[in-house]
Amino acid sequence: MSSVSPAAADRVADVQRNTAETQITVRVNLDGTGTANLSTGIGFFDHMLDQIARHGLIDLDIQAKGDLHIDGHHTVEDVGITLGQAFAKAVGDKKGIRRYGHAYVPLDEALSRVVVDFSGRPGLHMHVPFKSGMVGAFDTQLAFEFFQGFVNHAGVTLHIDNLKGENAHHQAETVFKAFARALRMALERDPRMGDVIPSTKGSL
């Protein structure tokens, strides 16, 4: 008989998304060590996804092929959608999680705050006045599309605010790092909670 209780088992999910625009596979382990295997065809986007893995202690395997000859929009948005679906599947009924998470992350002159609630209600409130339209081959407008896809399919409420920043690379990196840290806090199992769903409604 296994000595590992269901509550202590790793929360893992695999999701695929195939459309005329993108072909994406995502595997997540919410109880990982921060290892990442990433290939989206957009170098800076891979760098940002790596922040989610490393600072969230989430194992991520994301393989994406998209219509980059047009632009990065479909690829970035669909990775957000697929990652959100994977999170929703991996977190399950949310018994015993802390539910809420928040983080402030600085990088030189930039400072960002992210707050997340695994509420079951999708909502994105994002204020990031990027100082540049592009970072490498990444269109900074697509950060919003990534997070919108994620919240709609993970079922979370997400507030993202870049409080200070003059360099778009730094702005984006603080946002993704703070997002990762907030996820880590929210998804952490609370030993005082046991296997109770963290809601007075009894479901999330």
C-alpha atoms as a PDB file:
ATOM      1  CA  MET A   1       0.000   0.000   0.000  1.00  0.00           C
ATOM      2  CA  SER A   2       1.312   3.473  -0.867  1.00  0.00           C
ATOM      3  CA  SER A   3       2.357   5.634   2.056  1.00  0.00           C
ATOM      4  CA  VAL A   4       1.598   8.786   0.070  1.00  0.00           C
ATOM      5  CA  SER A   5      -1.835  10.234   0.747  1.00  0.00           C
ATOM      6  CA  PRO A   6      -3.897  11.567  -2.169  1.00  0.00           C
ATOM      7  CA  ALA A   7      -3.465  15.087  -0.769  1.00  0.00           C
ATOM      8  CA  ALA A   8       0.314  14.758  -0.930  1.00  0.00           C
ATOM      9  CA  ALA A   9       0.499  13.389  -4.474  1.00  0.00           C
ATOM     10  CA  ASP A  10       2.069  15.616  -7.115  1.00  0.00           C
ATOM     11  CA  ARG A  11      -0.453  17.670  -9.050  1.00  0.00           C
ATOM     12  CA  VAL A  12       0.354  16.936 -12.685  1.00  0.00           C
ATOM     13  CA  ALA A  13      -1.500  17.556 -15.954  1.00  0.00           C
ATOM     14  CA  ASP A  14      -0.939  17.169 -19.694  1.00  0.00           C
ATOM     15  CA  VAL A  15      -2.920  19.221 -22.215  1.00  0.00           C
ATOM     16  CA  GLN A  16      -2.759  19.533 -25.995  1.00  0.00           C
ATOM     17  CA  ARG A  17      -4.228  22.235 -28.220  1.00  0.00           C
ATOM     18  CA  ASN A  18      -4.255  21.870 -31.981  1.00  0.00           C
ATOM     19  CA  THR A  19      -5.742  24.492 -34.279  1.00  0.00           C
ATOM     20  CA  ALA A  20      -5.093  25.769 -37.787  1.00  0.00           C
ATOM     21  CA  GLU A  21      -2.867  28.423 -36.167  1.00  0.00           C
ATOM     22  CA  THR A  22      -0.977  26.564 -33.432  1.00  0.00           C
ATOM     23  CA  GLN A  23      -0.030  23.111 -32.188  1.00  0.00           C
ATOM     24  CA  ILE A  24       0.778  23.144 -28.476  1.00  0.00           C
ATOM     25  CA  THR A  25       1.533  20.555 -25.813  1.00  0.00           C
ATOM     26  CA  VAL A  26       1.855  21.502 -22.140  1.00  0.00           C
ATOM     27  CA  ARG A  27       2.820  19.395 -19.156  1.00  0.00           C
ATOM     28  CA  VAL A  28       2.855  20.887 -15.654  1.00  0.00           C
ATOM     29  CA  ASN A  29       3.785  19.615 -12.230  1.00  0.00           C
ATOM     30  CA  LEU A  30       2.617  22.135  -9.647  1.00  0.00           C
ATOM     31  CA  ASP A  31       4.743  20.390  -7.004  1.00  0.00           C
ATOM     32  CA  GLY A  32       7.948  20.359  -9.010  1.00  0.00           C
ATOM     33  CA  THR A  33      11.395  21.835  -8.551  1.00  0.00           C
ATOM     34  CA  GLY A  34      11.325  24.516 -11.239  1.00  0.00           C
ATOM     35  CA  THR A  35      12.694  22.568 -14.175  1.00  0.00           C
ATOM     36  CA  ALA A  36      11.658  23.765 -17.626  1.00  0.00           C
ATOM     37  CA  ASN A  37      11.730  22.479 -21.195  1.00  0.00           C
ATOM     38  CA  LEU A  38      10.452  25.294 -23.377  1.00  0.00           C
ATOM     39  CA  SER A  39      10.197  25.856 -27.112  1.00  0.00           C
ATOM     40  CA  THR A  40       7.751  28.424 -28.488  1.00  0.00           C
ATOM     41  CA  GLY A  41       9.866  29.914 -31.273  1.00  0.00           C
ATOM     42  CA  ILE A  42       9.975  33.270 -29.441  1.00  0.00           C
ATOM     43  CA  GLY A  43      13.147  33.508 -27.386  1.00  0.00           C
ATOM     44  CA  PHE A  44      12.055  36.200 -24.944  1.00  0.00           C
ATOM     45  CA  PHE A  45       8.727  34.447 -24.348  1.00  0.00           C
ATOM     46  CA  ASP A  46      10.620  31.253 -23.468  1.00  0.00           C
ATOM     47  CA  HIS A  47      12.688  33.352 -21.045  1.00  0.00           C
ATOM     48  CA  MET A  48       9.498  34.613 -19.370  1.00  0.00           C
ATOM     49  CA  LEU A  49       7.969  31.127 -19.145  1.00  0.00           C
ATOM     50  CA  ASP A  50      11.210  29.992 -17.534  1.00  0.00           C
ATOM     51  CA  GLN A  51      10.612  32.585 -14.791  1.00  0.00           C
ATOM     52  CA  ILE A  52       7.248  30.936 -14.039  1.00  0.00           C
ATOM     53  CA  ALA A  53       8.918  27.552 -13.643  1.00  0.00           C
ATOM     54  CA  ARG A  54      11.934  28.654 -11.613  1.00  0.00           C
ATOM     55  CA  HIS A  55      10.267  31.121  -9.277  1.00  0.00           C
ATOM     56  CA  GLY A  56       7.035  29.170  -8.938  1.00  0.00           C
ATOM     57  CA  LEU A  57       8.811  25.831  -8.378  1.00  0.00           C
ATOM     58  CA  ILE A  58       6.594  24.470 -11.138  1.00  0.00           C
ATOM     59  CA  ASP A  59       7.929  21.946 -13.646  1.00  0.00           C
ATOM     60  CA  LEU A  60       6.962  23.126 -17.138  1.00  0.00           C
ATOM     61  CA  ASP A  61       7.244  21.397 -20.487  1.00  0.00           C
ATOM     62  CA  ILE A  62       5.817  23.610 -23.231  1.00  0.00           C
ATOM     63  CA  GLN A  63       6.260  22.800 -26.913  1.00  0.00           C
ATOM     64  CA  ALA A  64       4.575  25.164 -29.344  1.00  0.00           C
ATOM     65  CA  LYS A  65       4.552  25.545 -33.094  1.00  0.00           C
ATOM     66  CA  GLY A  66       2.640  28.524 -34.418  1.00  0.00           C
ATOM     67  CA  ASP A  67       2.189  30.816 -37.383  1.00  0.00           C
ATOM     68  CA  LEU A  68       5.143  33.025 -36.489  1.00  0.00           C
ATOM     69  CA  HIS A  69       5.442  34.068 -40.133  1.00  0.00           C
ATOM     70  CA  ILE A  70       2.388  36.225 -39.361  1.00  0.00           C
ATOM     71  CA  ASP A  71       3.335  37.327 -35.851  1.00  0.00           C
ATOM     72  CA  GLY A  72       3.514  35.939 -32.325  1.00  0.00           C
ATOM     73  CA  HIS A  73      -0.076  36.675 -31.330  1.00  0.00           C
ATOM     74  CA  HIS A  74      -1.645  33.253 -31.832  1.00  0.00           C
ATOM     75  CA  THR A  75       1.316  31.413 -30.310  1.00  0.00           C
ATOM     76  CA  VAL A  76       1.496  33.522 -27.146  1.00  0.00           C
ATOM     77  CA  GLU A  77      -2.270  33.617 -26.611  1.00  0.00           C
ATOM     78  CA  ASP A  78      -2.704  29.887 -27.206  1.00  0.00           C
ATOM     79  CA  VAL A  79       0.148  29.003 -24.855  1.00  0.00           C
ATOM     80  CA  GLY A  80      -1.672  31.054 -22.209  1.00  0.00           C
ATOM     81  CA  ILE A  81      -4.909  29.191 -22.926  1.00  0.00           C
ATOM     82  CA  THR A  82      -3.272  25.762 -22.830  1.00  0.00           C
ATOM     83  CA  LEU A  83      -1.259  26.549 -19.707  1.00  0.00           C
ATOM     84  CA  GLY A  84      -4.428  27.743 -17.995  1.00  0.00           C
ATOM     85  CA  GLN A  85      -6.199  24.502 -18.904  1.00  0.00           C
ATOM     86  CA  ALA A  86      -3.279  22.516 -17.525  1.00  0.00           C
ATOM     87  CA  PHE A  87      -3.324  24.446 -14.250  1.00  0.00           C
ATOM     88  CA  ALA A  88      -7.073  23.939 -13.848  1.00  0.00           C
ATOM     89  CA  LYS A  89      -6.676  20.217 -14.449  1.00  0.00           C
ATOM     90  CA  ALA A  90      -3.671  19.853 -12.141  1.00  0.00           C
ATOM     91  CA  VAL A  91      -5.079  21.819  -9.201  1.00  0.00           C
ATOM     92  CA  GLY A  92      -8.291  19.772  -9.227  1.00  0.00           C
ATOM     93  CA  ASP A  93     -10.896  20.566  -6.552  1.00  0.00           C
ATOM     94  CA  LYS A  94      -8.491  22.957  -4.756  1.00  0.00           C
ATOM     95  CA  LYS A  95      -8.840  21.226  -1.401  1.00  0.00           C
ATOM     96  CA  GLY A  96      -6.229  22.378   1.073  1.00  0.00           C
ATOM     97  CA  ILE A  97      -4.607  25.107  -1.023  1.00  0.00           C
ATOM     98  CA  ARG A  98      -3.993  28.605   0.308  1.00  0.00           C
ATOM     99  CA  ARG A  99      -6.014  29.963  -2.666  1.00  0.00           C
ATOM    100  CA  TYR A 100      -4.647  33.520  -2.494  1.00  0.00           C
ATOM    101  CA  GLY A 101      -1.147  34.583  -3.419  1.00  0.00           C
ATOM    102  CA  HIS A 102       0.713  37.844  -3.854  1.00  0.00           C
ATOM    103  CA  ALA A 103       4.224  39.036  -4.599  1.00  0.00           C
ATOM    104  CA  TYR A 104       6.273  42.158  -5.176  1.00  0.00           C
ATOM    105  CA  VAL A 105       9.373  41.673  -7.341  1.00  0.00           C
ATOM    106  CA  PRO A 106      12.012  44.304  -8.179  1.00  0.00           C
ATOM    107  CA  LEU A 107      14.620  44.286 -10.925  1.00  0.00           C
ATOM    108  CA  ASP A 108      16.841  47.349 -10.887  1.00  0.00           C
ATOM    109  CA  GLU A 109      14.510  50.305 -11.516  1.00  0.00           C
ATOM    110  CA  ALA A 110      11.429  48.156 -12.169  1.00  0.00           C
ATOM    111  CA  LEU A 111       8.937  46.941  -9.568  1.00  0.00           C
ATOM    112  CA  SER A 112       5.812  44.868 -10.136  1.00  0.00           C
ATOM    113  CA  ARG A 113       3.025  43.514  -7.938  1.00  0.00           C
ATOM    114  CA  VAL A 114       0.881  40.486  -8.762  1.00  0.00           C
ATOM    115  CA  VAL A 115      -2.075  39.175  -6.750  1.00  0.00           C
ATOM    116  CA  VAL A 116      -3.921  35.959  -7.647  1.00  0.00           C
ATOM    117  CA  ASP A 117      -7.052  34.225  -6.375  1.00  0.00           C
ATOM    118  CA  PHE A 118      -7.900  30.676  -7.469  1.00  0.00           C
ATOM    119  CA  SER A 119     -11.536  31.690  -7.194  1.00  0.00           C
ATOM    120  CA  GLY A 120     -13.027  29.825 -10.129  1.00  0.00           C
ATOM    121  CA  ARG A 121     -14.011  33.228 -11.555  1.00  0.00           C
ATOM    122  CA  PRO A 122     -11.868  34.445 -14.457  1.00  0.00           C
ATOM    123  CA  GLY A 123     -10.808  38.063 -14.278  1.00  0.00           C
ATOM    124  CA  LEU A 124      -7.741  39.994 -15.409  1.00  0.00           C
ATOM    125  CA  HIS A 125      -6.882  43.496 -14.244  1.00  0.00           C
ATOM    126  CA  MET A 126      -3.533  44.491 -15.712  1.00  0.00           C
ATOM    127  CA  HIS A 127      -1.746  47.820 -15.741  1.00  0.00           C
ATOM    128  CA  VAL A 128       1.715  47.601 -17.301  1.00  0.00           C
ATOM    129  CA  PRO A 129       2.768  50.723 -19.239  1.00  0.00           C
ATOM    130  CA  PHE A 130       5.548  49.130 -21.269  1.00  0.00           C
ATOM    131  CA  LYS A 131       8.247  51.588 -22.330  1.00  0.00           C
ATOM    132  CA  SER A 132       8.877  49.706 -25.573  1.00  0.00           C
ATOM    133  CA  GLY A 133       6.668  47.850 -28.025  1.00  0.00           C
ATOM    134  CA  MET A 134       9.157  45.044 -28.582  1.00  0.00           C
ATOM    135  CA  VAL A 135      11.646  43.102 -26.485  1.00  0.00           C
ATOM    136  CA  GLY A 136      13.621  41.002 -28.916  1.00  0.00           C
ATOM    137  CA  ALA A 137      11.013  39.259 -31.077  1.00  0.00           C
ATOM    138  CA  PHE A 138       8.334  39.591 -28.364  1.00  0.00           C
ATOM    139  CA  ASP A 139       5.573  42.157 -28.824  1.00  0.00           C
ATOM    140  CA  THR A 140       4.930  43.500 -25.313  1.00  0.00           C
ATOM    141  CA  GLN A 141       1.196  43.855 -26.081  1.00  0.00           C
ATOM    142  CA  LEU A 142       1.061  40.054 -26.102  1.00  0.00           C
ATOM    143  CA  ALA A 143       1.786  39.860 -22.375  1.00  0.00           C
ATOM    144  CA  PHE A 144      -1.853  40.876 -21.857  1.00  0.00           C
ATOM    145  CA  GLU A 145      -3.043  38.231 -24.328  1.00  0.00           C
ATOM    146  CA  PHE A 146      -1.031  35.537 -22.520  1.00  0.00           C
ATOM    147  CA  PHE A 147      -2.468  36.401 -19.112  1.00  0.00           C
ATOM    148  CA  GLN A 148      -5.995  36.803 -20.522  1.00  0.00           C
ATOM    149  CA  GLY A 149      -5.822  33.318 -22.014  1.00  0.00           C
ATOM    150  CA  PHE A 150      -4.452  31.942 -18.757  1.00  0.00           C
ATOM    151  CA  VAL A 151      -7.077  33.431 -16.426  1.00  0.00           C
ATOM    152  CA  ASN A 152      -9.981  32.491 -18.693  1.00  0.00           C
ATOM    153  CA  HIS A 153      -9.007  28.826 -18.652  1.00  0.00           C
ATOM    154  CA  ALA A 154      -7.406  28.463 -15.212  1.00  0.00           C
ATOM    155  CA  GLY A 155     -10.408  30.170 -13.616  1.00  0.00           C
ATOM    156  CA  VAL A 156      -8.438  32.692 -11.576  1.00  0.00           C
ATOM    157  CA  THR A 157      -8.711  36.357 -10.707  1.00  0.00           C
ATOM    158  CA  LEU A 158      -5.424  38.087 -11.462  1.00  0.00           C
ATOM    159  CA  HIS A 159      -4.278  41.633 -10.702  1.00  0.00           C
ATOM    160  CA  ILE A 160      -1.001  42.735 -12.315  1.00  0.00           C
ATOM    161  CA  ASP A 161       0.520  46.164 -11.722  1.00  0.00           C
ATOM    162  CA  ASN A 162       3.896  47.414 -12.857  1.00  0.00           C
ATOM    163  CA  LEU A 163       4.517  50.084 -10.233  1.00  0.00           C
ATOM    164  CA  LYS A 164       7.813  51.411 -11.611  1.00  0.00           C
ATOM    165  CA  GLY A 165       9.968  50.741 -14.640  1.00  0.00           C
ATOM    166  CA  GLU A 166      11.849  52.378 -17.471  1.00  0.00           C
ATOM    167  CA  ASN A 167      13.154  49.298 -19.288  1.00  0.00           C
ATOM    168  CA  ALA A 168      10.594  47.026 -20.979  1.00  0.00           C
ATOM    169  CA  HIS A 169      12.699  43.902 -20.412  1.00  0.00           C
ATOM    170  CA  HIS A 170      12.825  44.675 -16.699  1.00  0.00           C
ATOM    171  CA  GLN A 171       9.111  45.481 -16.598  1.00  0.00           C
ATOM    172  CA  ALA A 172       8.168  42.174 -18.192  1.00  0.00           C
ATOM    173  CA  GLU A 173      10.581  40.150 -16.106  1.00  0.00           C
ATOM    174  CA  THR A 174       9.309  41.571 -12.811  1.00  0.00           C
ATOM    175  CA  VAL A 175       5.731  40.850 -13.911  1.00  0.00           C
ATOM    176  CA  PHE A 176       6.426  37.202 -14.762  1.00  0.00           C
ATOM    177  CA  LYS A 177       8.558  36.629 -11.666  1.00  0.00           C
ATOM    178  CA  ALA A 178       5.907  38.151  -9.407  1.00  0.00           C
ATOM    179  CA  PHE A 179       3.265  36.049 -11.166  1.00  0.00           C
ATOM    180  CA  ALA A 180       5.315  32.932 -10.432  1.00  0.00           C
ATOM    181  CA  ARG A 181       5.793  33.820  -6.768  1.00  0.00           C
ATOM    182  CA  ALA A 182       2.096  34.591  -6.351  1.00  0.00           C
ATOM    183  CA  LEU A 183       1.187  31.243  -7.948  1.00  0.00           C
ATOM    184  CA  ARG A 184       3.595  29.440  -5.617  1.00  0.00           C
ATOM    185  CA  MET A 185       1.951  31.000  -2.566  1.00  0.00           C
ATOM    186  CA  ALA A 186      -1.624  30.407  -3.729  1.00  0.00           C
ATOM    187  CA  LEU A 187      -1.053  26.778  -4.724  1.00  0.00           C
ATOM    188  CA  GLU A 188       0.849  25.840  -1.585  1.00  0.00           C
ATOM    189  CA  ARG A 189      -0.898  23.284   0.588  1.00  0.00           C
ATOM    190  CA  ASP A 190      -1.921  24.750   3.943  1.00  0.00           C
ATOM    191  CA  PRO A 191      -1.422  22.123   6.675  1.00  0.00           C
ATOM    192  CA  ARG A 192      -4.028  23.846   8.837  1.00  0.00           C
ATOM    193  CA  MET A 193      -6.572  23.639   6.020  1.00  0.00           C
ATOM    194  CA  GLY A 194      -6.301  19.859   5.615  1.00  0.00           C
ATOM    195  CA  ASP A 195      -8.489  18.709   2.732  1.00  0.00           C
ATOM    196  CA  VAL A 196     -11.031  21.507   3.102  1.00  0.00           C
ATOM    197  CA  ILE A 197     -11.892  23.720   0.126  1.00  0.00           C
ATOM    198  CA  PRO A 198     -10.887  27.322   1.044  1.00  0.00           C
ATOM    199  CA  SER A 199     -14.293  28.914   0.538  1.00  0.00           C
ATOM    200  CA  THR A 200     -17.357  29.519   2.689  1.00  0.00           C
ATOM    201  CA  LYS A 201     -19.404  28.311  -0.291  1.00  0.00           C
ATOM    202  CA  GLY A 202     -17.789  24.869  -0.083  1.00  0.00           C
ATOM    203  CA  SER A 203     -16.657  24.920  -3.711  1.00  0.00           C
ATOM    204  CA  LEU A 204     -14.436  26.940  -6.018  1.00  0.00           C
END
